[in-house]
Amino acid sequence: MLVAAVVALLVAMALALTRAFMGPRLYNRILAINVFGTKTVLFIAVLGTISGRSYIFEIALLYALVNFVTTIAVLRLTHLEELLPEPGEGKAA
């Protein structure tokens, strides 16, 4: 049963990577990378269950936090031009 979960997660991760490489827009690619990270966390958790080592769940939790912070940072950087004023804007004439 857990082997089927591992196979299903690997297929979902492959599909997410496909969307990341073929995505029509930047937002689709960022979302696909975030989905890939989430599936990776699930994959690590299932492997922890299969192996019976409880410390692997802490690694999965740490990876989930890094994935979340990285996604937020990338989204902020991609929308940085919206936050910055135009070169001639904001100057007193």
C-alpha atoms as a PDB file:
ATOM      1  CA  MET A   1       0.000   0.000   0.000  1.00  0.00           C
ATOM      2  CA  LEU A   2       2.775   2.441   0.869  1.00  0.00           C
ATOM      3  CA  VAL A   3       4.699   1.436  -2.238  1.00  0.00           C
ATOM      4  CA  ALA A   4       1.689   2.503  -4.316  1.00  0.00           C
ATOM      5  CA  ALA A   5       1.737   5.850  -2.494  1.00  0.00           C
ATOM      6  CA  VAL A   6       5.423   6.289  -3.334  1.00  0.00           C
ATOM      7  CA  VAL A   7       4.781   5.500  -7.000  1.00  0.00           C
ATOM      8  CA  ALA A   8       1.816   7.894  -7.124  1.00  0.00           C
ATOM      9  CA  LEU A   9       3.890  10.650  -5.521  1.00  0.00           C
ATOM     10  CA  LEU A  10       6.713  10.113  -8.000  1.00  0.00           C
ATOM     11  CA  VAL A  11       4.253  10.383 -10.894  1.00  0.00           C
ATOM     12  CA  ALA A  12       2.760  13.569  -9.408  1.00  0.00           C
ATOM     13  CA  MET A  13       6.247  15.012  -8.931  1.00  0.00           C
ATOM     14  CA  ALA A  14       7.118  14.240 -12.556  1.00  0.00           C
ATOM     15  CA  LEU A  15       3.928  15.948 -13.730  1.00  0.00           C
ATOM     16  CA  ALA A  16       4.697  18.996 -11.586  1.00  0.00           C
ATOM     17  CA  LEU A  17       8.192  19.219 -13.067  1.00  0.00           C
ATOM     18  CA  THR A  18       6.711  18.944 -16.545  1.00  0.00           C
ATOM     19  CA  ARG A  19       4.423  21.873 -15.802  1.00  0.00           C
ATOM     20  CA  ALA A  20       7.355  23.813 -14.361  1.00  0.00           C
ATOM     21  CA  PHE A  21       9.356  23.418 -17.558  1.00  0.00           C
ATOM     22  CA  MET A  22       6.469  23.867 -19.994  1.00  0.00           C
ATOM     23  CA  GLY A  23       4.367  26.393 -18.091  1.00  0.00           C
ATOM     24  CA  PRO A  24       3.116  29.207 -20.276  1.00  0.00           C
ATOM     25  CA  ARG A  25       3.643  31.908 -17.642  1.00  0.00           C
ATOM     26  CA  LEU A  26       5.986  32.597 -14.776  1.00  0.00           C
ATOM     27  CA  TYR A  27       3.177  32.226 -12.229  1.00  0.00           C
ATOM     28  CA  ASN A  28       2.394  28.708 -13.494  1.00  0.00           C
ATOM     29  CA  ARG A  29       6.049  27.751 -13.168  1.00  0.00           C
ATOM     30  CA  ILE A  30       6.326  29.089  -9.619  1.00  0.00           C
ATOM     31  CA  LEU A  31       3.134  27.293  -8.640  1.00  0.00           C
ATOM     32  CA  ALA A  32       4.421  24.044 -10.168  1.00  0.00           C
ATOM     33  CA  ILE A  33       7.672  24.309  -8.218  1.00  0.00           C
ATOM     34  CA  ASN A  34       5.655  24.886  -5.041  1.00  0.00           C
ATOM     35  CA  VAL A  35       3.537  21.811  -5.801  1.00  0.00           C
ATOM     36  CA  PHE A  36       6.735  19.841  -6.423  1.00  0.00           C
ATOM     37  CA  GLY A  37       8.034  20.926  -3.018  1.00  0.00           C
ATOM     38  CA  THR A  38       4.801  19.885  -1.338  1.00  0.00           C
ATOM     39  CA  LYS A  39       4.921  16.487  -3.023  1.00  0.00           C
ATOM     40  CA  THR A  40       8.531  16.145  -1.901  1.00  0.00           C
ATOM     41  CA  VAL A  41       7.467  16.719   1.704  1.00  0.00           C
ATOM     42  CA  LEU A  42       4.821  14.005   1.335  1.00  0.00           C
ATOM     43  CA  PHE A  43       7.389  11.717  -0.288  1.00  0.00           C
ATOM     44  CA  ILE A  44       9.810  12.207   2.626  1.00  0.00           C
ATOM     45  CA  ALA A  45       7.003  11.538   5.118  1.00  0.00           C
ATOM     46  CA  VAL A  46       5.996   8.307   3.365  1.00  0.00           C
ATOM     47  CA  LEU A  47       9.617   7.173   3.263  1.00  0.00           C
ATOM     48  CA  GLY A  48       9.843   7.929   6.986  1.00  0.00           C
ATOM     49  CA  THR A  49       6.795   5.768   7.572  1.00  0.00           C
ATOM     50  CA  ILE A  50       8.204   2.926   5.482  1.00  0.00           C
ATOM     51  CA  SER A  51      11.594   3.020   7.196  1.00  0.00           C
ATOM     52  CA  GLY A  52      10.142   3.485  10.700  1.00  0.00           C
ATOM     53  CA  ARG A  53      12.460   6.374  11.559  1.00  0.00           C
ATOM     54  CA  SER A  54      10.580   9.170  13.265  1.00  0.00           C
ATOM     55  CA  TYR A  55      13.269  11.841  12.834  1.00  0.00           C
ATOM     56  CA  ILE A  56      12.597  11.900   9.088  1.00  0.00           C
ATOM     57  CA  PHE A  57       9.316  13.697   9.815  1.00  0.00           C
ATOM     58  CA  GLU A  58      11.306  16.576  11.287  1.00  0.00           C
ATOM     59  CA  ILE A  59      13.314  16.751   8.073  1.00  0.00           C
ATOM     60  CA  ALA A  60      10.044  16.859   6.096  1.00  0.00           C
ATOM     61  CA  LEU A  61       8.747  19.673   8.307  1.00  0.00           C
ATOM     62  CA  LEU A  62      11.959  21.644   7.836  1.00  0.00           C
ATOM     63  CA  TYR A  63      11.769  21.152   4.077  1.00  0.00           C
ATOM     64  CA  ALA A  64       8.144  22.356   4.097  1.00  0.00           C
ATOM     65  CA  LEU A  65       9.152  25.552   5.901  1.00  0.00           C
ATOM     66  CA  VAL A  66      12.011  26.188   3.488  1.00  0.00           C
ATOM     67  CA  ASN A  67       9.679  25.547   0.544  1.00  0.00           C
ATOM     68  CA  PHE A  68       7.133  28.044   1.871  1.00  0.00           C
ATOM     69  CA  VAL A  69       9.678  30.785   2.563  1.00  0.00           C
ATOM     70  CA  THR A  70      11.340  30.265  -0.810  1.00  0.00           C
ATOM     71  CA  THR A  71       8.033  30.490  -2.654  1.00  0.00           C
ATOM     72  CA  ILE A  72       7.150  33.739  -0.897  1.00  0.00           C
ATOM     73  CA  ALA A  73      10.610  35.169  -1.619  1.00  0.00           C
ATOM     74  CA  VAL A  74      10.457  34.257  -5.313  1.00  0.00           C
ATOM     75  CA  LEU A  75       6.982  35.765  -5.646  1.00  0.00           C
ATOM     76  CA  ARG A  76       8.217  38.962  -3.975  1.00  0.00           C
ATOM     77  CA  LEU A  77      11.199  39.165  -6.304  1.00  0.00           C
ATOM     78  CA  THR A  78       9.107  38.588  -9.414  1.00  0.00           C
ATOM     79  CA  HIS A  79       6.756  41.403  -8.411  1.00  0.00           C
ATOM     80  CA  LEU A  80       9.557  43.758  -7.379  1.00  0.00           C
ATOM     81  CA  GLU A  81       9.103  45.972 -10.436  1.00  0.00           C
ATOM     82  CA  GLU A  82       5.517  46.620  -9.310  1.00  0.00           C
ATOM     83  CA  LEU A  83       6.754  47.803  -5.909  1.00  0.00           C
ATOM     84  CA  LEU A  84       9.511  50.103  -7.166  1.00  0.00           C
ATOM     85  CA  PRO A  85       8.628  53.505  -8.629  1.00  0.00           C
ATOM     86  CA  GLU A  86       9.428  54.346 -12.235  1.00  0.00           C
ATOM     87  CA  PRO A  87      12.780  56.128 -12.846  1.00  0.00           C
ATOM     88  CA  GLY A  88      11.158  59.541 -13.442  1.00  0.00           C
ATOM     89  CA  GLU A  89       8.364  59.080 -10.941  1.00  0.00           C
ATOM     90  CA  GLY A  90       8.416  60.525  -7.447  1.00  0.00           C
ATOM     91  CA  LYS A  91      10.845  63.379  -8.131  1.00  0.00           C
ATOM     92  CA  ALA A  92       9.785  66.904  -7.256  1.00  0.00           C
ATOM     93  CA  ALA A  93       9.801  69.185 -10.277  1.00  0.00           C
END
